[in-house]
C-alpha cells in the first residue's frame, strides 16, 4: 500500500568493546543522540513510488452481467451519465489481436470475441480539465480493460472491470485502478477524495443500468455494449 507510513529510528550505537575506557567514560556523560526519519514510501522505493496508486473494489450489483457490461463498455455514452465527464468519443473500433484477443475459433459475433476501441474522454473537476486518450479492450460480458496515454496530470492510468454472474439477475464487479500522477498535490487530493469519487462513479453506472433495463422493457433501441456513438 503506497500510503503506508514508515518511521525509522537510528540511535548512536558505539561498540564498547573497541573503545578506550576514558572515551567510554566521557561518552557516558553525553546525552544519547536520536535521529528520526519519516518517509512516505517503503524502503527501497524511489520518490516515484509516492505518486503511484492502486485501488481495488469488489461489489455485487442487482443487474445481470450483460446489462452492467453494456453500461461500462459503452464509452461513447459516458458524457451522458458520468459526473465530471464533459465529452466522450470512440475514435476507432477494431478486432483485438494478441493476448486478451479473440479466443480460438471465436469471431466478432460470439460472446467470447474481443474488440479494441480507441477512445477519447474529457473530464473536468474543481477547476482542473484533462483529456484521456485510451485503448480499451473488450471481452464481451467478462472484462473491460483500458490503458490511457500520459497527459498533463498522469504518467500512466490502467483500469480493469471484470464481471461474473451471480444468478440470472445479479453480478459481481471487480474493479482495479493502477495509475501514477505527476504531481504529489494531486496524489493528496486523490487520497482524500477516492472513496467519494469511485463511489459516485459506481452509483452512476448502476443508475445507467436501471435506465437501460427500463428502455429494454419498453422496447426501446439504442447503442449498448460499446456500440453507441
Protein backbone atom coordinates (compact mmCIF):
# COMPACT_ATOMS: atom_id res chain seq x y z
CA UNK A 1 0.00 0.00 0.00
CA UNK A 2 1.68 3.24 -1.12
CA UNK A 3 0.08 5.12 1.76
CA UNK A 4 1.98 3.12 4.38
CA UNK A 5 3.99 5.37 6.66
CA UNK A 6 7.31 4.04 7.86
CA UNK A 7 9.22 5.62 10.72
CA UNK A 8 12.91 4.87 11.04
CA UNK A 9 14.76 5.39 14.33
CA UNK A 10 18.53 5.40 14.28
CA UNK A 11 20.36 5.59 17.59
CA UNK A 12 24.03 6.38 18.17
CA UNK A 13 25.48 2.87 18.55
CA UNK A 14 29.12 2.61 19.64
CA UNK A 15 30.83 -0.77 20.02
CA UNK A 16 32.07 -0.56 23.61
CA UNK A 17 34.46 -3.44 23.14
CA UNK A 18 36.74 -1.41 20.85
CA UNK A 19 36.63 1.93 22.73
CA UNK A 20 39.23 3.02 25.33
CA UNK A 21 37.87 3.28 28.88
CA UNK A 22 38.47 7.08 29.03
CA UNK A 23 36.46 7.65 25.85
CA UNK A 24 33.67 5.45 27.22
CA UNK A 25 33.53 7.48 30.44
CA UNK A 26 33.27 10.76 28.53
CA UNK A 27 30.62 9.32 26.25
CA UNK A 28 28.61 8.15 29.23
CA UNK A 29 28.13 11.77 30.35
CA UNK A 30 26.76 12.90 26.96
CA UNK A 31 23.05 12.63 26.15
CA UNK A 32 22.28 9.92 23.65
CA UNK A 33 21.54 11.23 20.17
CA UNK A 34 18.45 10.01 18.37
CA UNK A 35 17.60 10.67 14.73
CA UNK A 36 14.02 10.39 13.50
CA UNK A 37 13.29 9.98 9.81
CA UNK A 38 9.76 9.91 8.44
CA UNK A 39 9.13 8.59 4.95
CA UNK A 40 6.09 8.48 2.68
CA UNK A 41 7.33 5.40 0.88
CA UNK A 42 8.67 1.99 1.73
CA UNK A 43 12.43 1.37 1.96
CA UNK A 44 13.87 0.61 -1.46
CA UNK A 45 11.32 2.70 -3.40
CA UNK A 46 12.26 5.94 -5.11
CA UNK A 47 10.27 9.14 -4.77
CA UNK A 48 8.38 7.94 -7.85
CA UNK A 49 6.59 5.49 -5.58
CA UNK A 50 4.93 8.36 -3.73
CA UNK A 51 2.85 9.19 -6.80
CA UNK A 52 1.76 5.66 -7.72
CA UNK A 53 -1.58 4.33 -6.52
CA UNK A 54 -3.57 1.11 -6.81
CA UNK A 55 -7.26 0.95 -5.96
CA UNK A 56 -9.36 -2.22 -5.86
CA UNK A 57 -13.03 -2.71 -5.08
CA UNK A 58 -15.47 -5.61 -5.36
CA UNK A 59 -19.20 -5.03 -5.49
CA UNK A 60 -22.35 -7.06 -6.07
CA UNK A 61 -24.98 -5.28 -8.16
CA UNK A 62 -28.62 -6.17 -8.78
CA UNK A 63 -28.25 -6.36 -12.55
CA UNK A 64 -27.33 -9.20 -14.91
CA UNK A 65 -23.84 -9.22 -16.39
CA UNK A 66 -24.88 -8.16 -19.93
CA UNK A 67 -26.51 -5.02 -18.54
CA UNK A 68 -23.60 -3.82 -16.39
CA UNK A 69 -21.10 -4.81 -19.08
CA UNK A 70 -23.14 -2.86 -21.61
CA UNK A 71 -23.02 0.29 -19.48
CA UNK A 72 -19.28 0.08 -18.77
CA UNK A 73 -18.23 -0.77 -22.32
CA UNK A 74 -20.32 1.99 -23.94
CA UNK A 75 -17.58 4.63 -23.68
CA UNK A 76 -19.22 6.88 -26.26
CA UNK A 77 -22.14 7.46 -23.83
CA UNK A 78 -20.06 8.27 -20.74
CA UNK A 79 -20.68 12.00 -21.05
CA UNK A 80 -24.42 11.31 -20.85
CA UNK A 81 -24.34 9.89 -17.33
CA UNK A 82 -20.94 10.13 -15.61
CA UNK A 83 -20.14 13.09 -13.34
CA UNK A 84 -17.27 15.35 -14.36
CA UNK A 85 -17.19 13.77 -17.84
CA UNK A 86 -17.66 16.58 -20.37
CA UNK A 87 -17.10 14.64 -23.61
CA UNK A 88 -16.59 11.03 -24.71
CA UNK A 89 -15.86 9.61 -28.15
CA UNK A 90 -14.92 6.34 -29.82
CA UNK A 91 -12.38 7.25 -32.50
CA UNK A 92 -11.76 3.78 -33.90
CA UNK A 93 -13.04 0.26 -33.44
CA UNK A 94 -11.18 -2.91 -34.41
CA UNK A 95 -10.73 -6.58 -33.61
CA UNK A 96 -8.15 -7.14 -30.87
CA UNK A 97 -5.12 -9.33 -31.54
CA UNK A 98 -2.56 -10.97 -29.29
CA UNK A 99 -3.01 -11.53 -25.52
CA UNK A 100 -6.57 -10.82 -24.49
CA UNK A 101 -7.74 -11.08 -28.09
CA UNK A 102 -10.37 -13.43 -29.50
CA UNK A 103 -10.47 -16.90 -28.08
CA UNK A 104 -9.58 -19.75 -30.50
CA UNK A 105 -12.34 -20.14 -33.07
CA UNK A 106 -14.18 -17.01 -31.92
CA UNK A 107 -15.41 -14.26 -34.21
CA UNK A 108 -16.91 -10.83 -33.55
CA UNK A 109 -20.48 -12.05 -33.18
CA UNK A 110 -19.66 -14.61 -30.49
CA UNK A 111 -19.84 -13.80 -26.76
CA UNK A 112 -16.14 -14.62 -26.27
CA UNK A 113 -14.93 -12.37 -29.08
CA UNK A 114 -12.71 -9.42 -28.19
CA UNK A 115 -12.81 -5.90 -29.57
CA UNK A 116 -10.46 -2.95 -29.22
CA UNK A 117 -11.54 0.69 -29.10
CA UNK A 118 -9.50 3.88 -29.40
CA UNK A 119 -11.32 6.41 -27.23
CA UNK A 120 -11.06 9.99 -26.05
CA UNK A 121 -12.67 11.19 -22.82
CA UNK A 122 -12.58 14.73 -21.41
CA UNK A 123 -13.11 15.42 -17.71
CA UNK A 124 -13.28 18.50 -15.53
CA UNK A 125 -13.20 18.71 -11.73
CA UNK A 126 -12.51 21.51 -9.23
CA UNK A 127 -11.10 23.81 -11.91
CA UNK A 128 -8.97 21.06 -13.49
CA UNK A 129 -9.58 19.76 -17.01
CA UNK A 130 -7.89 16.88 -18.82
CA UNK A 131 -8.23 14.75 -21.93
CA UNK A 132 -7.63 11.00 -21.81
CA UNK A 133 -6.76 9.08 -24.95
CA UNK A 134 -7.13 5.36 -24.25
CA UNK A 135 -7.03 1.92 -25.79
CA UNK A 136 -9.96 -0.10 -24.43
CA UNK A 137 -10.08 -3.88 -24.88
CA UNK A 138 -13.48 -5.55 -24.55
CA UNK A 139 -14.06 -9.21 -23.79
CA UNK A 140 -17.82 -9.39 -24.05
CA UNK A 141 -19.69 -9.92 -20.78
CA UNK A 142 -16.41 -10.67 -19.00
CA UNK A 143 -13.89 -7.85 -19.00
CA UNK A 144 -13.22 -4.21 -19.91
CA UNK A 145 -9.57 -3.13 -19.77
CA UNK A 146 -8.32 0.39 -20.52
CA UNK A 147 -4.79 1.77 -20.91
CA UNK A 148 -4.54 5.56 -21.16
CA UNK A 149 -1.81 7.67 -22.70
CA UNK A 150 0.14 10.04 -20.43
CA UNK A 151 -1.26 13.56 -20.12
CA UNK A 152 -0.53 16.70 -18.10
CA UNK A 153 -1.75 15.07 -14.87
CA UNK A 154 -0.91 11.38 -15.26
CA UNK A 155 2.15 9.41 -16.24
CA UNK A 156 0.05 6.24 -16.51
CA UNK A 157 -3.52 5.04 -15.98
CA UNK A 158 -4.85 1.49 -16.33
CA UNK A 159 -8.22 0.24 -15.18
CA UNK A 160 -9.90 -3.13 -15.39
CA UNK A 161 -13.52 -4.15 -14.84
CA UNK A 162 -14.25 -7.85 -14.52
CA UNK A 163 -17.77 -9.27 -14.36
CA UNK A 164 -19.10 -12.57 -13.01
CA UNK A 165 -22.75 -13.70 -12.86
CA UNK A 166 -24.40 -14.45 -9.52
CA UNK A 167 -27.66 -15.99 -10.62
CA UNK A 168 -29.72 -14.60 -13.50
CA UNK A 169 -30.20 -11.06 -12.18
CA UNK A 170 -27.10 -10.25 -10.15
CA UNK A 171 -23.43 -9.76 -10.95
CA UNK A 172 -20.14 -9.30 -9.14
CA UNK A 173 -17.90 -6.46 -10.27
CA UNK A 174 -14.15 -6.47 -9.63
CA UNK A 175 -12.67 -3.04 -10.31
CA UNK A 176 -8.95 -2.25 -10.26
CA UNK A 177 -7.21 1.06 -10.94
CA UNK A 178 -3.45 1.47 -11.34
CA UNK A 179 -2.10 4.93 -12.01
CA UNK A 180 0.78 7.32 -11.44
CA UNK A 181 0.15 11.03 -11.01
CA UNK A 182 2.70 13.68 -11.98
CA UNK A 183 2.05 15.97 -9.00
CA UNK A 184 2.21 14.99 -5.33
CA UNK A 185 -0.52 17.56 -4.57
CA UNK A 186 -2.87 15.68 -6.87
CA UNK A 187 -1.95 12.45 -5.07
CA UNK A 188 -3.03 14.02 -1.78
CA UNK A 189 -6.27 15.17 -3.43
CA UNK A 190 -6.93 11.62 -4.66
CA UNK A 191 -6.17 10.13 -1.25
CA UNK A 192 -8.75 12.47 0.29
CA UNK A 193 -11.47 12.02 -2.34
CA UNK A 194 -11.00 8.49 -3.70
CA UNK A 195 -13.90 6.86 -1.83
CA UNK A 196 -16.29 9.63 -2.82
CA UNK A 197 -15.19 9.68 -6.47
CA UNK A 198 -15.26 5.90 -7.01
CA UNK A 199 -18.50 5.53 -5.05
CA UNK A 200 -20.17 8.20 -7.16
CA UNK A 201 -19.00 6.60 -10.40
CA UNK A 202 -20.25 3.16 -9.38
CA UNK A 203 -23.61 4.65 -8.39
CA UNK A 204 -23.86 6.35 -11.79
CA UNK A 205 -23.16 3.10 -13.62
CA UNK A 206 -25.89 1.40 -11.61
CA UNK A 207 -28.35 4.18 -12.43
CA UNK A 208 -27.38 3.79 -16.06
CA UNK A 209 -28.15 0.06 -15.81
CA UNK A 210 -31.60 0.87 -14.42
CA UNK A 211 -32.20 3.20 -17.38
CA UNK A 212 -31.14 0.50 -19.84
CA UNK A 213 -33.46 -2.03 -18.24
CA UNK A 214 -36.38 0.40 -18.38
CA UNK A 215 -35.63 1.14 -22.03
CA UNK A 216 -35.42 -2.56 -22.89
CA UNK A 217 -38.67 -3.25 -21.04
CA UNK A 218 -40.33 -0.51 -23.08
CA UNK A 219 -38.96 -1.98 -26.31
CA UNK A 220 -36.58 0.90 -26.98
CA UNK A 221 -33.42 0.69 -29.04
CA UNK A 222 -30.02 2.36 -28.81
CA UNK A 223 -26.31 1.75 -28.71
CA UNK A 224 -25.31 -0.54 -25.85
CA UNK A 225 -22.23 -2.67 -25.21
CA UNK A 226 -19.65 -0.32 -26.69
CA UNK A 227 -21.67 0.22 -29.85
CA UNK A 228 -23.38 3.58 -29.35
CA UNK A 229 -21.92 6.85 -30.55
